[in-house]
PDB file of N, CA and C in Angstrom:
ATOM      1  N   UNK A   1     101.521  80.507 132.733  1.00  0.00           N
ATOM      2  CA  UNK A   1     102.435  81.053 131.752  1.00  0.00           C
ATOM      3  C   UNK A   1     101.676  81.456 130.495  1.00  0.00           C
ATOM      4  N   UNK A   2     100.750  80.627 130.068  1.00  0.00           N
ATOM      5  CA  UNK A   2      99.984  80.940 128.866  1.00  0.00           C
ATOM      6  C   UNK A   2      99.149  82.197 129.061  1.00  0.00           C
ATOM      7  N   UNK A   3      98.577  82.352 130.242  1.00  0.00           N
ATOM      8  CA  UNK A   3      97.761  83.531 130.519  1.00  0.00           C
ATOM      9  C   UNK A   3      98.605  84.802 130.459  1.00  0.00           C
ATOM     10  N   UNK A   4      99.822  84.722 130.969  1.00  0.00           N
ATOM     11  CA  UNK A   4     100.706  85.886 130.938  1.00  0.00           C
ATOM     12  C   UNK A   4     101.064  86.246 129.499  1.00  0.00           C
ATOM     13  N   UNK A   5     101.345  85.231 128.666  1.00  0.00           N
ATOM     14  CA  UNK A   5     101.658  85.466 127.252  1.00  0.00           C
ATOM     15  C   UNK A   5     100.465  86.105 126.540  1.00  0.00           C
ATOM     16  N   UNK A   6      99.277  85.549 126.773  1.00  0.00           N
ATOM     17  CA  UNK A   6      98.077  86.086 126.133  1.00  0.00           C
ATOM     18  C   UNK A   6      97.811  87.521 126.570  1.00  0.00           C
ATOM     19  N   UNK A   7      98.027  87.815 127.843  1.00  0.00           N
ATOM     20  CA  UNK A   7      97.826  89.172 128.339  1.00  0.00           C
ATOM     21  C   UNK A   7      98.789  90.147 127.665  1.00  0.00           C
ATOM     22  N   UNK A   8     100.040  89.736 127.482  1.00  0.00           N
ATOM     23  CA  UNK A   8     101.016  90.604 126.821  1.00  0.00           C
ATOM     24  C   UNK A   8     100.669  90.810 125.350  1.00  0.00           C
ATOM     25  N   UNK A   9     100.206  89.766 124.696  1.00  0.00           N
ATOM     26  CA  UNK A   9      99.827  89.891 123.279  1.00  0.00           C
ATOM     27  C   UNK A   9      98.617  90.806 123.123  1.00  0.00           C
ATOM     28  N   UNK A  10      97.641  90.660 123.999  1.00  0.00           N
ATOM     29  CA  UNK A  10      96.451  91.522 123.943  1.00  0.00           C
ATOM     30  C   UNK A  10      96.853  92.972 124.181  1.00  0.00           C
ATOM     31  N   UNK A  11      97.735  93.209 125.142  1.00  0.00           N
ATOM     32  CA  UNK A  11      98.198  94.569 125.425  1.00  0.00           C
ATOM     33  C   UNK A  11      98.930  95.153 124.220  1.00  0.00           C
ATOM     34  N   UNK A  12      99.778  94.350 123.569  1.00  0.00           N
ATOM     35  CA  UNK A  12     100.505  94.819 122.394  1.00  0.00           C
ATOM     36  C   UNK A  12      99.525  95.146 121.261  1.00  0.00           C
ATOM     37  N   UNK A  13      98.539  94.291 121.061  1.00  0.00           N
ATOM     38  CA  UNK A  13      97.568  94.523 119.997  1.00  0.00           C
ATOM     39  C   UNK A  13      96.750  95.783 120.270  1.00  0.00           C
ATOM     40  N   UNK A  14      96.410  96.035 121.518  1.00  0.00           N
ATOM     41  CA  UNK A  14      95.686  97.259 121.861  1.00  0.00           C
ATOM     42  C   UNK A  14      96.531  98.493 121.581  1.00  0.00           C
ATOM     43  N   UNK A  15      97.833  98.426 121.879  1.00  0.00           N
ATOM     44  CA  UNK A  15      98.713  99.558 121.577  1.00  0.00           C
ATOM     45  C   UNK A  15      98.826  99.774 120.071  1.00  0.00           C
ATOM     46  N   UNK A  16      98.895  98.683 119.304  1.00  0.00           N
ATOM     47  CA  UNK A  16      98.931  98.806 117.842  1.00  0.00           C
ATOM     48  C   UNK A  16      97.653  99.492 117.352  1.00  0.00           C
ATOM     49  N   UNK A  17      96.520  99.086 117.870  1.00  0.00           N
ATOM     50  CA  UNK A  17      95.249  99.682 117.456  1.00  0.00           C
ATOM     51  C   UNK A  17      95.177 101.154 117.835  1.00  0.00           C
ATOM     52  N   UNK A  18      95.748 101.541 118.963  1.00  0.00           N
ATOM     53  CA  UNK A  18      95.786 102.951 119.339  1.00  0.00           C
ATOM     54  C   UNK A  18      96.627 103.750 118.352  1.00  0.00           C
ATOM     55  N   UNK A  19      97.753 103.185 117.939  1.00  0.00           N
ATOM     56  CA  UNK A  19      98.595 103.852 116.937  1.00  0.00           C
ATOM     57  C   UNK A  19      97.830 103.973 115.621  1.00  0.00           C
ATOM     58  N   UNK A  20      97.138 102.918 115.236  1.00  0.00           N
ATOM     59  CA  UNK A  20      96.375 102.947 113.986  1.00  0.00           C
ATOM     60  C   UNK A  20      95.278 103.994 114.040  1.00  0.00           C
ATOM     61  N   UNK A  21      94.601 104.110 115.180  1.00  0.00           N
ATOM     62  CA  UNK A  21      93.582 105.147 115.342  1.00  0.00           C
ATOM     63  C   UNK A  21      94.195 106.530 115.195  1.00  0.00           C
ATOM     64  N   UNK A  22      95.346 106.746 115.824  1.00  0.00           N
ATOM     65  CA  UNK A  22      96.014 108.047 115.753  1.00  0.00           C
ATOM     66  C   UNK A  22      96.469 108.367 114.328  1.00  0.00           C
ATOM     67  N   UNK A  23      96.820 107.339 113.562  1.00  0.00           N
ATOM     68  CA  UNK A  23      97.278 107.526 112.184  1.00  0.00           C
ATOM     69  C   UNK A  23      96.116 107.640 111.193  1.00  0.00           C
ATOM     70  N   UNK A  24      94.904 107.390 111.648  1.00  0.00           N
ATOM     71  CA  UNK A  24      93.736 107.490 110.779  1.00  0.00           C
ATOM     72  C   UNK A  24      93.526 106.289 109.872  1.00  0.00           C
ATOM     73  N   UNK A  25      94.004 105.130 110.276  1.00  0.00           N
ATOM     74  CA  UNK A  25      93.840 103.913 109.488  1.00  0.00           C
ATOM     75  C   UNK A  25      92.429 103.368 109.716  1.00  0.00           C
ATOM     76  N   UNK A  26      91.761 103.006 108.637  1.00  0.00           N
ATOM     77  CA  UNK A  26      90.409 102.444 108.734  1.00  0.00           C
ATOM     78  C   UNK A  26      90.461 101.061 109.368  1.00  0.00           C
ATOM     79  N   UNK A  27      89.442 100.729 110.147  1.00  0.00           N
ATOM     80  CA  UNK A  27      89.419  99.462 110.880  1.00  0.00           C
ATOM     81  C   UNK A  27      89.483  98.240 109.973  1.00  0.00           C
ATOM     82  N   UNK A  28      89.068  98.352 108.731  1.00  0.00           N
ATOM     83  CA  UNK A  28      89.133  97.212 107.828  1.00  0.00           C
ATOM     84  C   UNK A  28      90.575  96.863 107.446  1.00  0.00           C
ATOM     85  N   UNK A  29      91.505  97.765 107.723  1.00  0.00           N
ATOM     86  CA  UNK A  29      92.913  97.539 107.395  1.00  0.00           C
ATOM     87  C   UNK A  29      93.757  97.165 108.604  1.00  0.00           C
ATOM     88  N   UNK A  30      93.143  96.892 109.739  1.00  0.00           N
ATOM     89  CA  UNK A  30      93.888  96.610 110.973  1.00  0.00           C
ATOM     90  C   UNK A  30      94.661  95.294 110.945  1.00  0.00           C
ATOM     91  N   UNK A  31      94.106  94.271 110.343  1.00  0.00           N
ATOM     92  CA  UNK A  31      94.686  92.922 110.436  1.00  0.00           C
ATOM     93  C   UNK A  31      96.146  92.871 109.988  1.00  0.00           C
ATOM     94  N   UNK A  32      96.513  93.410 108.825  1.00  0.00           N
ATOM     95  CA  UNK A  32      97.926  93.313 108.436  1.00  0.00           C
ATOM     96  C   UNK A  32      98.855  94.095 109.362  1.00  0.00           C
ATOM     97  N   UNK A  33      98.377  95.215 109.877  1.00  0.00           N
ATOM     98  CA  UNK A  33      99.213  95.998 110.781  1.00  0.00           C
ATOM     99  C   UNK A  33      99.406  95.285 112.119  1.00  0.00           C
ATOM    100  N   UNK A  34      98.365  94.640 112.616  1.00  0.00           N
ATOM    101  CA  UNK A  34      98.489  93.871 113.860  1.00  0.00           C
ATOM    102  C   UNK A  34      99.428  92.688 113.636  1.00  0.00           C
ATOM    103  N   UNK A  35      99.351  92.064 112.472  1.00  0.00           N
ATOM    104  CA  UNK A  35     100.272  90.967 112.148  1.00  0.00           C
ATOM    105  C   UNK A  35     101.717  91.462 112.119  1.00  0.00           C
ATOM    106  N   UNK A  36     101.915  92.640 111.561  1.00  0.00           N
ATOM    107  CA  UNK A  36     103.252  93.245 111.549  1.00  0.00           C
ATOM    108  C   UNK A  36     103.740  93.483 112.979  1.00  0.00           C
ATOM    109  N   UNK A  37     102.866  93.999 113.821  1.00  0.00           N
ATOM    110  CA  UNK A  37     103.234  94.231 115.219  1.00  0.00           C
ATOM    111  C   UNK A  37     103.621  92.946 115.930  1.00  0.00           C
ATOM    112  N   UNK A  38     102.883  91.866 115.664  1.00  0.00           N
ATOM    113  CA  UNK A  38     103.217  90.569 116.266  1.00  0.00           C
ATOM    114  C   UNK A  38     104.594  90.093 115.818  1.00  0.00           C
ATOM    115  N   UNK A  39     104.841  90.186 114.533  1.00  0.00           N
ATOM    116  CA  UNK A  39     106.115  89.705 113.986  1.00  0.00           C
ATOM    117  C   UNK A  39     107.281  90.534 114.530  1.00  0.00           C
ATOM    118  N   UNK A  40     107.095  91.832 114.563  1.00  0.00           N
ATOM    119  CA  UNK A  40     108.159  92.697 115.048  1.00  0.00           C
ATOM    120  C   UNK A  40     108.412  92.458 116.536  1.00  0.00           C
ATOM    121  N   UNK A  41     107.369  92.225 117.298  1.00  0.00           N
ATOM    122  CA  UNK A  41     107.525  91.940 118.718  1.00  0.00           C
ATOM    123  C   UNK A  41     108.360  90.675 118.930  1.00  0.00           C
ATOM    124  N   UNK A  42     108.110  89.668 118.101  1.00  0.00           N
ATOM    125  CA  UNK A  42     108.887  88.435 118.212  1.00  0.00           C
ATOM    126  C   UNK A  42     110.366  88.697 117.945  1.00  0.00           C
ATOM    127  N   UNK A  43     110.654  89.531 116.961  1.00  0.00           N
ATOM    128  CA  UNK A  43     112.050  89.855 116.651  1.00  0.00           C
ATOM    129  C   UNK A  43     112.705  90.631 117.785  1.00  0.00           C
ATOM    130  N   UNK A  44     111.983  91.603 118.322  1.00  0.00           N
ATOM    131  CA  UNK A  44     112.528  92.440 119.375  1.00  0.00           C
ATOM    132  C   UNK A  44     112.761  91.631 120.646  1.00  0.00           C
ATOM    133  N   UNK A  45     111.892  90.664 120.902  1.00  0.00           N
ATOM    134  CA  UNK A  45     111.983  89.866 122.122  1.00  0.00           C
ATOM    135  C   UNK A  45     113.078  88.802 122.066  1.00  0.00           C
ATOM    136  N   UNK A  46     113.604  88.520 120.897  1.00  0.00           N
ATOM    137  CA  UNK A  46     114.678  87.532 120.802  1.00  0.00           C
ATOM    138  C   UNK A  46     115.909  88.068 121.508  1.00  0.00           C
ATOM    139  N   UNK A  47     116.432  87.313 122.409  1.00  0.00           N
ATOM    140  CA  UNK A  47     117.576  87.770 123.192  1.00  0.00           C
ATOM    141  C   UNK A  47     118.903  87.491 122.492  1.00  0.00           C
ATOM    142  N   UNK A  48     118.891  86.743 121.414  1.00  0.00           N
ATOM    143  CA  UNK A  48     120.126  86.407 120.729  1.00  0.00           C
ATOM    144  C   UNK A  48     120.631  87.549 119.838  1.00  0.00           C
ATOM    145  N   UNK A  49     119.761  88.478 119.490  1.00  0.00           N
ATOM    146  CA  UNK A  49     120.181  89.550 118.604  1.00  0.00           C
ATOM    147  C   UNK A  49     119.987  90.898 119.287  1.00  0.00           C
ATOM    148  N   UNK A  50     120.859  91.837 118.969  1.00  0.00           N
ATOM    149  CA  UNK A  50     120.737  93.180 119.510  1.00  0.00           C
ATOM    150  C   UNK A  50     121.516  94.133 118.616  1.00  0.00           C
ATOM    151  N   UNK A  51     121.368  95.398 118.885  1.00  0.00           N
ATOM    152  CA  UNK A  51     122.115  96.421 118.163  1.00  0.00           C
ATOM    153  C   UNK A  51     121.849  96.426 116.668  1.00  0.00           C
ATOM    154  N   UNK A  52     122.921  96.441 115.903  1.00  0.00           N
ATOM    155  CA  UNK A  52     122.814  96.529 114.446  1.00  0.00           C
ATOM    156  C   UNK A  52     122.129  95.297 113.858  1.00  0.00           C
ATOM    157  N   UNK A  53     122.368  94.136 114.438  1.00  0.00           N
ATOM    158  CA  UNK A  53     121.714  92.915 113.953  1.00  0.00           C
ATOM    159  C   UNK A  53     120.210  93.006 114.126  1.00  0.00           C
ATOM    160  N   UNK A  54     119.767  93.555 115.249  1.00  0.00           N
ATOM    161  CA  UNK A  54     118.336  93.731 115.494  1.00  0.00           C
ATOM    162  C   UNK A  54     117.741  94.724 114.499  1.00  0.00           C
ATOM    163  N   UNK A  55     118.472  95.806 114.236  1.00  0.00           N
ATOM    164  CA  UNK A  55     117.999  96.795 113.267  1.00  0.00           C
ATOM    165  C   UNK A  55     117.870  96.193 111.874  1.00  0.00           C
ATOM    166  N   UNK A  56     118.851  95.371 111.481  1.00  0.00           N
ATOM    167  CA  UNK A  56     118.797  94.718 110.172  1.00  0.00           C
ATOM    168  C   UNK A  56     117.629  93.740 110.114  1.00  0.00           C
ATOM    169  N   UNK A  57     117.400  93.015 111.197  1.00  0.00           N
ATOM    170  CA  UNK A  57     116.306  92.048 111.230  1.00  0.00           C
ATOM    171  C   UNK A  57     114.953  92.745 111.171  1.00  0.00           C
ATOM    172  N   UNK A  58     114.837  93.930 111.748  1.00  0.00           N
ATOM    173  CA  UNK A  58     113.560  94.640 111.720  1.00  0.00           C
ATOM    174  C   UNK A  58     113.276  95.252 110.352  1.00  0.00           C
ATOM    175  N   UNK A  59     114.292  95.357 109.497  1.00  0.00           N
ATOM    176  CA  UNK A  59     114.082  95.891 108.150  1.00  0.00           C
ATOM    177  C   UNK A  59     113.312  94.904 107.273  1.00  0.00           C
ATOM    178  N   UNK A  60     113.488  93.616 107.516  1.00  0.00           N
ATOM    179  CA  UNK A  60     112.840  92.597 106.681  1.00  0.00           C
ATOM    180  C   UNK A  60     111.312  92.669 106.791  1.00  0.00           C
ATOM    181  N   UNK A  61     110.742  92.645 108.006  1.00  0.00           N
ATOM    182  CA  UNK A  61     109.280  92.747 108.083  1.00  0.00           C
ATOM    183  C   UNK A  61     108.756  94.080 107.555  1.00  0.00           C
ATOM    184  N   UNK A  62     109.515  95.161 107.763  1.00  0.00           N
ATOM    185  CA  UNK A  62     109.086  96.461 107.249  1.00  0.00           C
ATOM    186  C   UNK A  62     108.955  96.413 105.730  1.00  0.00           C
ATOM    187  N   UNK A  63     109.954  95.878 105.061  1.00  0.00           N
ATOM    188  CA  UNK A  63     109.911  95.782 103.598  1.00  0.00           C
ATOM    189  C   UNK A  63     108.808  94.834 103.141  1.00  0.00           C
ATOM    190  N   UNK A  64     108.634  93.759 103.873  1.00  0.00           N
ATOM    191  CA  UNK A  64     107.627  92.752 103.512  1.00  0.00           C
ATOM    192  C   UNK A  64     106.220  93.349 103.568  1.00  0.00           C
ATOM    193  N   UNK A  65     105.902  94.022 104.681  1.00  0.00           N
ATOM    194  CA  UNK A  65     104.551  94.574 104.818  1.00  0.00           C
ATOM    195  C   UNK A  65     104.372  95.803 103.931  1.00  0.00           C
ATOM    196  N   UNK A  66     105.416  96.568 103.688  1.00  0.00           N
ATOM    197  CA  UNK A  66     105.315  97.703 102.765  1.00  0.00           C
ATOM    198  C   UNK A  66     105.056  97.195 101.346  1.00  0.00           C
ATOM    199  N   UNK A  67     105.694  96.091 100.960  1.00  0.00           N
ATOM    200  CA  UNK A  67     105.473  95.510  99.634  1.00  0.00           C
ATOM    201  C   UNK A  67     104.054  94.979  99.508  1.00  0.00           C
ATOM    202  N   UNK A  68     103.447  94.627 100.617  1.00  0.00           N
ATOM    203  CA  UNK A  68     102.058  94.148 100.604  1.00  0.00           C
ATOM    204  C   UNK A  68     101.051  95.294 100.544  1.00  0.00           C
ATOM    205  N   UNK A  69     101.546  96.533 100.531  1.00  0.00           N
ATOM    206  CA  UNK A  69     100.668  97.672 100.367  1.00  0.00           C
ATOM    207  C   UNK A  69     100.367  98.448 101.636  1.00  0.00           C
ATOM    208  N   UNK A  70     101.051  98.127 102.731  1.00  0.00           N
ATOM    209  CA  UNK A  70     100.829  98.858 103.969  1.00  0.00           C
ATOM    210  C   UNK A  70     101.676 100.131 103.955  1.00  0.00           C
ATOM    211  N   UNK A  71     101.188 101.164 104.595  1.00  0.00           N
ATOM    212  CA  UNK A  71     101.857 102.462 104.629  1.00  0.00           C
ATOM    213  C   UNK A  71     103.137 102.381 105.466  1.00  0.00           C
ATOM    214  N   UNK A  72     104.299 102.665 104.875  1.00  0.00           N
ATOM    215  CA  UNK A  72     105.558 102.598 105.631  1.00  0.00           C
ATOM    216  C   UNK A  72     105.598 103.548 106.822  1.00  0.00           C
ATOM    217  N   UNK A  73     104.906 104.682 106.737  1.00  0.00           N
ATOM    218  CA  UNK A  73     104.879 105.623 107.859  1.00  0.00           C
ATOM    219  C   UNK A  73     104.125 105.042 109.050  1.00  0.00           C
ATOM    220  N   UNK A  74     103.041 104.332 108.784  1.00  0.00           N
ATOM    221  CA  UNK A  74     102.278 103.686 109.855  1.00  0.00           C
ATOM    222  C   UNK A  74     103.096 102.547 110.445  1.00  0.00           C
ATOM    223  N   UNK A  75     103.769 101.791 109.584  1.00  0.00           N
ATOM    224  CA  UNK A  75     104.627 100.711 110.070  1.00  0.00           C
ATOM    225  C   UNK A  75     105.742 101.266 110.961  1.00  0.00           C
ATOM    226  N   UNK A  76     106.304 102.400 110.577  1.00  0.00           N
ATOM    227  CA  UNK A  76     107.358 103.020 111.385  1.00  0.00           C
ATOM    228  C   UNK A  76     106.802 103.474 112.732  1.00  0.00           C
ATOM    229  N   UNK A  77     105.585 103.998 112.738  1.00  0.00           N
ATOM    230  CA  UNK A  77     104.965 104.417 114.003  1.00  0.00           C
ATOM    231  C   UNK A  77     104.760 103.215 114.920  1.00  0.00           C
ATOM    232  N   UNK A  78     104.329 102.105 114.358  1.00  0.00           N
ATOM    233  CA  UNK A  78     104.151 100.887 115.156  1.00  0.00           C
ATOM    234  C   UNK A  78     105.496 100.445 115.711  1.00  0.00           C
ATOM    235  N   UNK A  79     106.507 100.450 114.860  1.00  0.00           N
ATOM    236  CA  UNK A  79     107.844 100.023 115.280  1.00  0.00           C
ATOM    237  C   UNK A  79     108.357 100.882 116.433  1.00  0.00           C
ATOM    238  N   UNK A  80     108.186 102.181 116.348  1.00  0.00           N
ATOM    239  CA  UNK A  80     108.726 103.082 117.353  1.00  0.00           C
ATOM    240  C   UNK A  80     107.886 103.126 118.618  1.00  0.00           C
ATOM    241  N   UNK A  81     106.573 103.206 118.483  1.00  0.00           N
ATOM    242  CA  UNK A  81     105.707 103.437 119.641  1.00  0.00           C
ATOM    243  C   UNK A  81     105.312 102.173 120.365  1.00  0.00           C
ATOM    244  N   UNK A  82     105.206 101.068 119.660  1.00  0.00           N
ATOM    245  CA  UNK A  82     104.724  99.849 120.279  1.00  0.00           C
ATOM    246  C   UNK A  82     105.870  98.911 120.648  1.00  0.00           C
ATOM    247  N   UNK A  83     106.772  98.708 119.720  1.00  0.00           N
ATOM    248  CA  UNK A  83     107.822  97.721 119.925  1.00  0.00           C
ATOM    249  C   UNK A  83     109.135  98.327 120.408  1.00  0.00           C
ATOM    250  N   UNK A  84     109.241  99.629 120.433  1.00  0.00           N
ATOM    251  CA  UNK A  84     110.462 100.314 120.875  1.00  0.00           C
ATOM    252  C   UNK A  84     111.687  99.823 120.120  1.00  0.00           C
ATOM    253  N   UNK A  85     111.506  99.521 118.859  1.00  0.00           N
ATOM    254  CA  UNK A  85     112.629  99.081 118.037  1.00  0.00           C
ATOM    255  C   UNK A  85     113.265 100.294 117.378  1.00  0.00           C
ATOM    256  N   UNK A  86     114.526 100.192 117.087  1.00  0.00           N
ATOM    257  CA  UNK A  86     115.245 101.280 116.432  1.00  0.00           C
ATOM    258  C   UNK A  86     114.926 101.329 114.952  1.00  0.00           C
ATOM    259  N   UNK A  87     115.584 102.246 114.297  1.00  0.00           N
ATOM    260  CA  UNK A  87     115.423 102.372 112.857  1.00  0.00           C
ATOM    261  C   UNK A  87     116.013 101.153 112.177  1.00  0.00           C
ATOM    262  N   UNK A  88     115.291 100.585 111.199  1.00  0.00           N
ATOM    263  CA  UNK A  88     115.862  99.434 110.505  1.00  0.00           C
ATOM    264  C   UNK A  88     117.006  99.876 109.594  1.00  0.00           C
ATOM    265  N   UNK A  89     117.923  98.986 109.389  1.00  0.00           N
ATOM    266  CA  UNK A  89     119.034  99.269 108.485  1.00  0.00           C
ATOM    267  C   UNK A  89     118.519  99.349 107.062  1.00  0.00           C
ATOM    268  N   UNK A  90     119.099 100.205 106.236  1.00  0.00           N
ATOM    269  CA  UNK A  90     118.624 100.343 104.841  1.00  0.00           C
ATOM    270  C   UNK A  90     118.913  99.116 104.015  1.00  0.00           C
TER     271      UNK A  90
END
């Protein structure tokens, strides 16, 4: 079970890095974006929330990482391309 979890996390992190490469993000800035991807994946994978509640929950990490100085456009690309999450509620 642990190996399967680790394999999924590695795959998600590789997809995040591909998005970052496409967006032109320098490798020294990868860590916060990968952390955002991990957090968003945890939210998306929760089976207790869906629909509008999921969208509202995904707005919190977006605002948090944007306030930390990360580019909201890159965060949106990660959200859409890696985690398949919808638009966060305003």
